[in-house]
Amino acid sequence: MEPVALEEIKTLIQMEYHELPALSLTLWQAQRLWNLSDELCERALQSLVSEKFLVMTPSGRFIRRHDRRSRAASSGPVALAG
């Protein structure tokens, strides 16, 4: 089996979090879900945290980071006062 590139793993993880925005996984759960080694999974998740795509909670769970633009886009049209 050919080794999978870190960028491919990160893309897979991002796709999953886009499909399931409320996804909240520990490192162990992520390893099991994507069948990754400890080292590769940790590198991918930490890289996505550094890129501000994911956030690690105080309890050690990885969740998708939401900024104002993504929240506004996902909540539908915004009525302007005027």
C-alpha atoms as a PDB file:
ATOM      1  CA  MET A   1       0.000   0.000   0.000  1.00  0.00           C
ATOM      2  CA  GLU A   2       1.328   3.425  -0.968  1.00  0.00           C
ATOM      3  CA  PRO A   3       1.679   5.977   1.832  1.00  0.00           C
ATOM      4  CA  VAL A   4      -0.938   8.703   1.833  1.00  0.00           C
ATOM      5  CA  ALA A   5       0.290  12.290   1.674  1.00  0.00           C
ATOM      6  CA  LEU A   6      -0.426  14.604   4.583  1.00  0.00           C
ATOM      7  CA  GLU A   7      -2.227  17.050   2.271  1.00  0.00           C
ATOM      8  CA  GLU A   8      -4.582  14.293   1.086  1.00  0.00           C
ATOM      9  CA  ILE A   9      -5.449  13.420   4.680  1.00  0.00           C
ATOM     10  CA  LYS A  10      -6.063  17.075   5.525  1.00  0.00           C
ATOM     11  CA  THR A  11      -8.376  17.408   2.512  1.00  0.00           C
ATOM     12  CA  LEU A  12     -10.310  14.309   3.600  1.00  0.00           C
ATOM     13  CA  ILE A  13     -10.682  15.671   7.143  1.00  0.00           C
ATOM     14  CA  GLN A  14     -11.820  19.081   5.860  1.00  0.00           C
ATOM     15  CA  MET A  15     -14.425  17.442   3.607  1.00  0.00           C
ATOM     16  CA  GLU A  16     -15.823  15.487   6.571  1.00  0.00           C
ATOM     17  CA  TYR A  17     -16.034  18.611   8.725  1.00  0.00           C
ATOM     18  CA  HIS A  18     -17.754  20.511   5.876  1.00  0.00           C
ATOM     19  CA  GLU A  19     -20.348  17.736   5.557  1.00  0.00           C
ATOM     20  CA  LEU A  20     -20.803  17.440   9.330  1.00  0.00           C
ATOM     21  CA  PRO A  21     -20.162  20.929  10.789  1.00  0.00           C
ATOM     22  CA  ALA A  22     -20.980  19.770  14.338  1.00  0.00           C
ATOM     23  CA  LEU A  23     -18.380  16.968  14.187  1.00  0.00           C
ATOM     24  CA  SER A  24     -16.429  16.805  17.449  1.00  0.00           C
ATOM     25  CA  LEU A  25     -13.696  14.170  17.700  1.00  0.00           C
ATOM     26  CA  THR A  26     -10.887  13.251  20.037  1.00  0.00           C
ATOM     27  CA  LEU A  27      -7.554  12.283  18.522  1.00  0.00           C
ATOM     28  CA  TRP A  28      -8.332   8.611  19.182  1.00  0.00           C
ATOM     29  CA  GLN A  29     -11.762   8.876  17.500  1.00  0.00           C
ATOM     30  CA  ALA A  30     -10.244  10.623  14.474  1.00  0.00           C
ATOM     31  CA  GLN A  31      -7.592   7.893  14.176  1.00  0.00           C
ATOM     32  CA  ARG A  32     -10.287   5.227  14.201  1.00  0.00           C
ATOM     33  CA  LEU A  33     -12.626   7.071  11.815  1.00  0.00           C
ATOM     34  CA  TRP A  34      -9.989   7.664   9.147  1.00  0.00           C
ATOM     35  CA  ASN A  35      -7.817   4.608   9.924  1.00  0.00           C
ATOM     36  CA  LEU A  36      -4.669   6.682  10.452  1.00  0.00           C
ATOM     37  CA  SER A  37      -1.513   6.129  12.454  1.00  0.00           C
ATOM     38  CA  ASP A  38      -1.092   8.100  15.665  1.00  0.00           C
ATOM     39  CA  GLU A  39       1.628  10.266  14.157  1.00  0.00           C
ATOM     40  CA  LEU A  40      -0.100  11.031  10.842  1.00  0.00           C
ATOM     41  CA  CYS A  41      -3.451  11.813  12.451  1.00  0.00           C
ATOM     42  CA  GLU A  42      -1.869  14.118  15.023  1.00  0.00           C
ATOM     43  CA  ARG A  43       0.163  15.931  12.352  1.00  0.00           C
ATOM     44  CA  ALA A  44      -2.901  16.446  10.151  1.00  0.00           C
ATOM     45  CA  LEU A  45      -5.119  17.698  12.988  1.00  0.00           C
ATOM     46  CA  GLN A  46      -2.450  20.005  14.413  1.00  0.00           C
ATOM     47  CA  SER A  47      -1.808  21.389  10.940  1.00  0.00           C
ATOM     48  CA  LEU A  48      -5.524  22.152  10.520  1.00  0.00           C
ATOM     49  CA  VAL A  49      -5.531  23.847  13.935  1.00  0.00           C
ATOM     50  CA  SER A  50      -2.514  25.951  12.869  1.00  0.00           C
ATOM     51  CA  GLU A  51      -4.361  26.888   9.676  1.00  0.00           C
ATOM     52  CA  LYS A  52      -7.357  27.903  11.811  1.00  0.00           C
ATOM     53  CA  PHE A  53      -9.710  25.391  10.189  1.00  0.00           C
ATOM     54  CA  LEU A  54     -10.065  23.398  13.424  1.00  0.00           C
ATOM     55  CA  VAL A  55      -9.959  24.303  17.100  1.00  0.00           C
ATOM     56  CA  MET A  56      -8.975  21.972  19.915  1.00  0.00           C
ATOM     57  CA  THR A  57     -11.299  22.355  22.897  1.00  0.00           C
ATOM     58  CA  PRO A  58     -10.053  22.263  26.503  1.00  0.00           C
ATOM     59  CA  SER A  59     -11.371  18.684  26.693  1.00  0.00           C
ATOM     60  CA  GLY A  60      -9.173  17.636  23.743  1.00  0.00           C
ATOM     61  CA  ARG A  61     -11.860  17.481  21.048  1.00  0.00           C
ATOM     62  CA  PHE A  62     -11.283  18.810  17.540  1.00  0.00           C
ATOM     63  CA  ILE A  63     -14.134  20.949  16.228  1.00  0.00           C
ATOM     64  CA  ARG A  64     -14.542  23.131  13.173  1.00  0.00           C
ATOM     65  CA  ARG A  65     -13.688  26.777  13.693  1.00  0.00           C
ATOM     66  CA  HIS A  66     -16.459  29.158  12.669  1.00  0.00           C
ATOM     67  CA  ASP A  67     -15.753  32.752  11.801  1.00  0.00           C
ATOM     68  CA  ARG A  68     -18.315  35.501  11.305  1.00  0.00           C
ATOM     69  CA  ARG A  69     -18.434  35.049   7.535  1.00  0.00           C
ATOM     70  CA  SER A  70     -19.166  31.323   7.716  1.00  0.00           C
ATOM     71  CA  ARG A  71     -21.856  31.815  10.366  1.00  0.00           C
ATOM     72  CA  ALA A  72     -23.532  34.576   8.369  1.00  0.00           C
ATOM     73  CA  ALA A  73     -23.438  32.504   5.193  1.00  0.00           C
ATOM     74  CA  SER A  74     -24.888  29.431   6.881  1.00  0.00           C
ATOM     75  CA  SER A  75     -27.662  31.244   8.721  1.00  0.00           C
ATOM     76  CA  GLY A  76     -29.354  32.459   5.570  1.00  0.00           C
ATOM     77  CA  PRO A  77     -30.274  35.989   4.483  1.00  0.00           C
ATOM     78  CA  VAL A  78     -29.694  38.815   6.903  1.00  0.00           C
ATOM     79  CA  ALA A  79     -32.354  41.516   7.173  1.00  0.00           C
ATOM     80  CA  LEU A  80     -30.907  45.001   7.297  1.00  0.00           C
ATOM     81  CA  ALA A  81     -32.443  47.595   9.583  1.00  0.00           C
ATOM     82  CA  GLY A  82     -33.247  50.744   7.834  1.00  0.00           C
END
